[in-house]
């Protein structure tokens, strides 16, 4: 009993709430795209920094290996051992930086795909949303007519969006009827 009452009141409150302004939604989507593009730029800078660090580390590895060869050429075993230790550390660091660079590039590709998807969704939203109050009013009128059983030109019975709107309108109508019945019962 209480669940139905709560559902009816929630449905009535939802029906009384104005729909979100499409311009606000579009502005939020635009801000999200801008933030994502800014993140892409930061990721690209990070890749550049790691790439520079990797180049420096490869140079240090080459230097350590060259010093080891020169020391071996003159028979300085202590310098050869030191050079090999440094070369080993630089090799390991090069390997880690290469893995890091690979991971950052993969992450950048993923983020770029997400930004493309966001742009596509935004463009689709911009194409599909009513541009003016008059267009929104016409759209609301068609929803009411669809709830009453009429079909909007250009829609099909198997359209998921149409079915969803009709179901919502039916629920709202049922909630409104239940609310009216409650009001009559309570004497208001």
C-alpha atoms as a PDB file:
ATOM      1  CA  UNK A   1       0.000   0.000   0.000  1.00  0.00           C
ATOM      2  CA  UNK A   2       2.679   2.476   1.043  1.00  0.00           C
ATOM      3  CA  UNK A   3       4.926   1.522  -1.870  1.00  0.00           C
ATOM      4  CA  UNK A   4       2.147   2.344  -4.336  1.00  0.00           C
ATOM      5  CA  UNK A   5       1.484   5.628  -2.552  1.00  0.00           C
ATOM      6  CA  UNK A   6       5.185   6.493  -2.547  1.00  0.00           C
ATOM      7  CA  UNK A   7       5.453   5.544  -6.235  1.00  0.00           C
ATOM      8  CA  UNK A   8       2.407   7.673  -7.052  1.00  0.00           C
ATOM      9  CA  UNK A   9       3.796  10.655  -5.171  1.00  0.00           C
ATOM     10  CA  UNK A  10       7.212  10.243  -6.799  1.00  0.00           C
ATOM     11  CA  UNK A  11       5.573  10.030 -10.207  1.00  0.00           C
ATOM     12  CA  UNK A  12       3.543  13.154  -9.468  1.00  0.00           C
ATOM     13  CA  UNK A  13       6.666  15.008  -8.318  1.00  0.00           C
ATOM     14  CA  UNK A  14       8.547  13.866 -11.421  1.00  0.00           C
ATOM     15  CA  UNK A  15       5.688  15.071 -13.597  1.00  0.00           C
ATOM     16  CA  UNK A  16       5.618  18.426 -11.792  1.00  0.00           C
ATOM     17  CA  UNK A  17       9.358  18.972 -12.235  1.00  0.00           C
ATOM     18  CA  UNK A  18      10.212  20.840 -15.404  1.00  0.00           C
ATOM     19  CA  UNK A  19      12.325  18.877 -17.837  1.00  0.00           C
ATOM     20  CA  UNK A  20      15.980  19.857 -17.910  1.00  0.00           C
ATOM     21  CA  UNK A  21      16.766  22.704 -20.242  1.00  0.00           C
ATOM     22  CA  UNK A  22      18.362  21.295 -23.405  1.00  0.00           C
ATOM     23  CA  UNK A  23      20.708  24.285 -23.530  1.00  0.00           C
ATOM     24  CA  UNK A  24      22.041  23.395 -20.066  1.00  0.00           C
ATOM     25  CA  UNK A  25      22.557  19.801 -21.116  1.00  0.00           C
ATOM     26  CA  UNK A  26      24.372  20.930 -24.273  1.00  0.00           C
ATOM     27  CA  UNK A  27      26.551  23.306 -22.233  1.00  0.00           C
ATOM     28  CA  UNK A  28      27.472  20.505 -19.824  1.00  0.00           C
ATOM     29  CA  UNK A  29      28.354  18.246 -22.734  1.00  0.00           C
ATOM     30  CA  UNK A  30      30.500  21.010 -24.270  1.00  0.00           C
ATOM     31  CA  UNK A  31      32.344  21.539 -20.963  1.00  0.00           C
ATOM     32  CA  UNK A  32      32.993  17.800 -20.660  1.00  0.00           C
ATOM     33  CA  UNK A  33      34.467  17.713 -24.176  1.00  0.00           C
ATOM     34  CA  UNK A  34      36.684  20.727 -23.434  1.00  0.00           C
ATOM     35  CA  UNK A  35      37.931  19.113 -20.216  1.00  0.00           C
ATOM     36  CA  UNK A  36      38.628  15.858 -22.053  1.00  0.00           C
ATOM     37  CA  UNK A  37      40.563  17.689 -24.780  1.00  0.00           C
ATOM     38  CA  UNK A  38      42.595  19.481 -22.109  1.00  0.00           C
ATOM     39  CA  UNK A  39      43.385  16.101 -20.584  1.00  0.00           C
ATOM     40  CA  UNK A  40      44.506  14.875 -24.005  1.00  0.00           C
ATOM     41  CA  UNK A  41      46.925  17.791 -24.252  1.00  0.00           C
ATOM     42  CA  UNK A  42      48.324  16.997 -20.798  1.00  0.00           C
ATOM     43  CA  UNK A  43      48.731  13.352 -21.774  1.00  0.00           C
ATOM     44  CA  UNK A  44      50.563  14.353 -24.958  1.00  0.00           C
ATOM     45  CA  UNK A  45      52.924  16.565 -22.928  1.00  0.00           C
ATOM     46  CA  UNK A  46      53.534  13.650 -20.556  1.00  0.00           C
ATOM     47  CA  UNK A  47      54.389  11.421 -23.498  1.00  0.00           C
ATOM     48  CA  UNK A  48      56.799  14.074 -24.787  1.00  0.00           C
ATOM     49  CA  UNK A  49      58.505  14.266 -21.396  1.00  0.00           C
ATOM     50  CA  UNK A  50      58.911  10.493 -21.141  1.00  0.00           C
ATOM     51  CA  UNK A  51      60.139  10.371 -24.739  1.00  0.00           C
ATOM     52  CA  UNK A  52      62.819  12.971 -23.900  1.00  0.00           C
ATOM     53  CA  UNK A  53      63.774  11.097 -20.755  1.00  0.00           C
ATOM     54  CA  UNK A  54      64.033   7.872 -22.777  1.00  0.00           C
ATOM     55  CA  UNK A  55      66.303   9.545 -25.346  1.00  0.00           C
ATOM     56  CA  UNK A  56      68.575  10.824 -22.565  1.00  0.00           C
ATOM     57  CA  UNK A  57      68.662   7.391 -20.932  1.00  0.00           C
ATOM     58  CA  UNK A  58      69.552   5.704 -24.255  1.00  0.00           C
ATOM     59  CA  UNK A  59      72.378   8.206 -24.687  1.00  0.00           C
ATOM     60  CA  UNK A  60      73.641   7.436 -21.172  1.00  0.00           C
ATOM     61  CA  UNK A  61      73.489   3.697 -21.974  1.00  0.00           C
ATOM     62  CA  UNK A  62      75.480   4.213 -25.153  1.00  0.00           C
ATOM     63  CA  UNK A  63      78.057   6.253 -23.227  1.00  0.00           C
ATOM     64  CA  UNK A  64      78.373   3.613 -20.480  1.00  0.00           C
ATOM     65  CA  UNK A  65      78.816   0.842 -23.057  1.00  0.00           C
ATOM     66  CA  UNK A  66      81.423   2.904 -24.974  1.00  0.00           C
ATOM     67  CA  UNK A  67      83.358   3.607 -21.755  1.00  0.00           C
ATOM     68  CA  UNK A  68      83.302  -0.097 -20.919  1.00  0.00           C
ATOM     69  CA  UNK A  69      84.720  -0.979 -24.343  1.00  0.00           C
ATOM     70  CA  UNK A  70      87.424   1.693 -24.041  1.00  0.00           C
ATOM     71  CA  UNK A  71      88.366   0.473 -20.547  1.00  0.00           C
ATOM     72  CA  UNK A  72      88.491  -3.132 -21.784  1.00  0.00           C
ATOM     73  CA  UNK A  73      90.755  -1.977 -24.611  1.00  0.00           C
ATOM     74  CA  UNK A  74      93.346  -0.670 -22.153  1.00  0.00           C
ATOM     75  CA  UNK A  75      92.875  -3.537 -19.680  1.00  0.00           C
ATOM     76  CA  UNK A  76      91.290  -1.497 -16.849  1.00  0.00           C
ATOM     77  CA  UNK A  77      89.077  -4.167 -15.290  1.00  0.00           C
ATOM     78  CA  UNK A  78      87.823  -1.953 -12.468  1.00  0.00           C
ATOM     79  CA  UNK A  79      86.512   0.648 -14.920  1.00  0.00           C
ATOM     80  CA  UNK A  80      85.030  -2.142 -17.090  1.00  0.00           C
ATOM     81  CA  UNK A  81      83.106  -3.476 -14.051  1.00  0.00           C
ATOM     82  CA  UNK A  82      81.859   0.005 -13.123  1.00  0.00           C
ATOM     83  CA  UNK A  83      80.866   0.741 -16.718  1.00  0.00           C
ATOM     84  CA  UNK A  84      78.986  -2.580 -16.930  1.00  0.00           C
ATOM     85  CA  UNK A  85      77.069  -1.775 -13.710  1.00  0.00           C
ATOM     86  CA  UNK A  86      76.087   1.620 -15.102  1.00  0.00           C
ATOM     87  CA  UNK A  87      75.180   0.103 -18.471  1.00  0.00           C
ATOM     88  CA  UNK A  88      73.017  -2.500 -16.743  1.00  0.00           C
ATOM     89  CA  UNK A  89      71.183   0.200 -14.769  1.00  0.00           C
ATOM     90  CA  UNK A  90      70.676   2.288 -17.897  1.00  0.00           C
ATOM     91  CA  UNK A  91      69.426  -0.752 -19.876  1.00  0.00           C
ATOM     92  CA  UNK A  92      66.911  -1.492 -17.137  1.00  0.00           C
ATOM     93  CA  UNK A  93      65.799   2.146 -17.044  1.00  0.00           C
ATOM     94  CA  UNK A  94      65.444   2.212 -20.856  1.00  0.00           C
ATOM     95  CA  UNK A  95      63.259  -0.886 -20.685  1.00  0.00           C
ATOM     96  CA  UNK A  96      61.028   0.636 -17.985  1.00  0.00           C
ATOM     97  CA  UNK A  97      60.711   3.923 -19.880  1.00  0.00           C
ATOM     98  CA  UNK A  98      59.832   2.075 -23.097  1.00  0.00           C
ATOM     99  CA  UNK A  99      57.067   0.214 -21.251  1.00  0.00           C
ATOM    100  CA  UNK A 100      55.879   3.462 -19.684  1.00  0.00           C
ATOM    101  CA  UNK A 101      55.838   5.184 -23.070  1.00  0.00           C
ATOM    102  CA  UNK A 102      53.921   2.293 -24.602  1.00  0.00           C
ATOM    103  CA  UNK A 103      51.337   2.399 -21.810  1.00  0.00           C
ATOM    104  CA  UNK A 104      50.963   6.182 -22.110  1.00  0.00           C
ATOM    105  CA  UNK A 105      50.450   5.931 -25.862  1.00  0.00           C
ATOM    106  CA  UNK A 106      47.819   3.226 -25.403  1.00  0.00           C
ATOM    107  CA  UNK A 107      46.098   5.381 -22.789  1.00  0.00           C
ATOM    108  CA  UNK A 108      46.202   8.362 -25.152  1.00  0.00           C
ATOM    109  CA  UNK A 109      44.615   6.308 -27.940  1.00  0.00           C
ATOM    110  CA  UNK A 110      41.851   5.223 -25.574  1.00  0.00           C
ATOM    111  CA  UNK A 111      41.240   8.795 -24.438  1.00  0.00           C
ATOM    112  CA  UNK A 112      41.175  10.047 -28.034  1.00  0.00           C
ATOM    113  CA  UNK A 113      38.533   7.416 -28.886  1.00  0.00           C
ATOM    114  CA  UNK A 114      36.474   8.515 -25.885  1.00  0.00           C
ATOM    115  CA  UNK A 115      36.688  12.164 -26.965  1.00  0.00           C
ATOM    116  CA  UNK A 116      35.585  11.210 -30.484  1.00  0.00           C
ATOM    117  CA  UNK A 117      32.619   9.318 -28.983  1.00  0.00           C
ATOM    118  CA  UNK A 118      31.760  12.304 -26.783  1.00  0.00           C
ATOM    119  CA  UNK A 119      31.846  14.623 -29.802  1.00  0.00           C
ATOM    120  CA  UNK A 120      29.671  12.227 -31.764  1.00  0.00           C
ATOM    121  CA  UNK A 121      27.147  12.024 -28.919  1.00  0.00           C
ATOM    122  CA  UNK A 122      27.152  15.806 -28.609  1.00  0.00           C
ATOM    123  CA  UNK A 123      26.584  16.267 -32.336  1.00  0.00           C
ATOM    124  CA  UNK A 124      23.763  13.719 -32.265  1.00  0.00           C
ATOM    125  CA  UNK A 125      22.221  15.496 -29.272  1.00  0.00           C
ATOM    126  CA  UNK A 126      22.489  18.853 -31.035  1.00  0.00           C
ATOM    127  CA  UNK A 127      20.796  17.430 -34.140  1.00  0.00           C
ATOM    128  CA  UNK A 128      18.000  15.747 -32.211  1.00  0.00           C
ATOM    129  CA  UNK A 129      17.102  18.319 -29.575  1.00  0.00           C
ATOM    130  CA  UNK A 130      14.407  20.882 -30.209  1.00  0.00           C
ATOM    131  CA  UNK A 131      16.046  24.244 -30.774  1.00  0.00           C
ATOM    132  CA  UNK A 132      13.341  26.555 -29.445  1.00  0.00           C
ATOM    133  CA  UNK A 133      10.642  26.689 -26.819  1.00  0.00           C
ATOM    134  CA  UNK A 134       8.075  26.328 -29.600  1.00  0.00           C
ATOM    135  CA  UNK A 135       9.738  23.156 -30.844  1.00  0.00           C
ATOM    136  CA  UNK A 136       9.857  21.785 -27.289  1.00  0.00           C
ATOM    137  CA  UNK A 137       6.176  22.632 -26.910  1.00  0.00           C
ATOM    138  CA  UNK A 138       5.348  20.791 -30.129  1.00  0.00           C
ATOM    139  CA  UNK A 139       7.396  17.831 -28.936  1.00  0.00           C
ATOM    140  CA  UNK A 140       5.520  17.810 -25.606  1.00  0.00           C
ATOM    141  CA  UNK A 141       2.205  17.936 -27.449  1.00  0.00           C
ATOM    142  CA  UNK A 142       3.193  14.956 -29.586  1.00  0.00           C
ATOM    143  CA  UNK A 143       4.175  13.035 -26.460  1.00  0.00           C
ATOM    144  CA  UNK A 144       0.709  13.693 -25.043  1.00  0.00           C
ATOM    145  CA  UNK A 145      -0.900  12.574 -28.286  1.00  0.00           C
ATOM    146  CA  UNK A 146       1.292   9.473 -28.378  1.00  0.00           C
ATOM    147  CA  UNK A 147       0.249   8.694 -24.814  1.00  0.00           C
ATOM    148  CA  UNK A 148      -3.352   8.864 -26.003  1.00  0.00           C
ATOM    149  CA  UNK A 149      -2.594   6.293 -28.700  1.00  0.00           C
ATOM    150  CA  UNK A 150      -1.921   8.447 -31.748  1.00  0.00           C
ATOM    151  CA  UNK A 151       1.190   7.908 -33.808  1.00  0.00           C
ATOM    152  CA  UNK A 152       3.599  10.632 -34.692  1.00  0.00           C
ATOM    153  CA  UNK A 153       4.415  10.722 -38.391  1.00  0.00           C
ATOM    154  CA  UNK A 154       7.729   9.066 -39.131  1.00  0.00           C
ATOM    155  CA  UNK A 155       7.718   6.776 -36.091  1.00  0.00           C
ATOM    156  CA  UNK A 156       7.229   3.036 -35.974  1.00  0.00           C
ATOM    157  CA  UNK A 157       5.656   0.769 -33.416  1.00  0.00           C
ATOM    158  CA  UNK A 158       8.925  -0.977 -32.746  1.00  0.00           C
ATOM    159  CA  UNK A 159      10.790   2.276 -31.981  1.00  0.00           C
ATOM    160  CA  UNK A 160      12.340   1.945 -28.537  1.00  0.00           C
ATOM    161  CA  UNK A 161      12.204   5.681 -27.803  1.00  0.00           C
ATOM    162  CA  UNK A 162       8.510   5.891 -28.698  1.00  0.00           C
ATOM    163  CA  UNK A 163       7.661   2.899 -26.541  1.00  0.00           C
ATOM    164  CA  UNK A 164       9.631   4.341 -23.647  1.00  0.00           C
ATOM    165  CA  UNK A 165       7.872   7.707 -23.882  1.00  0.00           C
ATOM    166  CA  UNK A 166       4.478   6.044 -24.115  1.00  0.00           C
ATOM    167  CA  UNK A 167       5.214   3.872 -21.078  1.00  0.00           C
ATOM    168  CA  UNK A 168       6.320   6.925 -19.098  1.00  0.00           C
ATOM    169  CA  UNK A 169       3.226   8.864 -20.133  1.00  0.00           C
ATOM    170  CA  UNK A 170       1.003   5.944 -19.104  1.00  0.00           C
ATOM    171  CA  UNK A 171       2.743   5.710 -15.729  1.00  0.00           C
ATOM    172  CA  UNK A 172       2.404   9.434 -15.219  1.00  0.00           C
ATOM    173  CA  UNK A 173      -1.288   9.318 -16.108  1.00  0.00           C
ATOM    174  CA  UNK A 174      -1.840   6.419 -13.705  1.00  0.00           C
ATOM    175  CA  UNK A 175       0.054   8.246 -10.952  1.00  0.00           C
ATOM    176  CA  UNK A 176      -1.980  11.381 -11.590  1.00  0.00           C
ATOM    177  CA  UNK A 177      -5.216   9.392 -11.328  1.00  0.00           C
ATOM    178  CA  UNK A 178      -4.057   7.784  -8.083  1.00  0.00           C
ATOM    179  CA  UNK A 179      -3.099  11.164  -6.687  1.00  0.00           C
ATOM    180  CA  UNK A 180      -6.519  12.581  -7.566  1.00  0.00           C
ATOM    181  CA  UNK A 181      -8.192   9.594  -5.896  1.00  0.00           C
ATOM    182  CA  UNK A 182      -6.102  10.179  -2.764  1.00  0.00           C
ATOM    183  CA  UNK A 183      -7.025  13.843  -2.740  1.00  0.00           C
ATOM    184  CA  UNK A 184     -10.720  12.999  -2.997  1.00  0.00           C
ATOM    185  CA  UNK A 185     -10.339  10.476  -0.180  1.00  0.00           C
ATOM    186  CA  UNK A 186      -8.649  13.030   2.027  1.00  0.00           C
ATOM    187  CA  UNK A 187     -11.269  15.650   1.213  1.00  0.00           C
ATOM    188  CA  UNK A 188      -9.137  18.129  -0.632  1.00  0.00           C
END
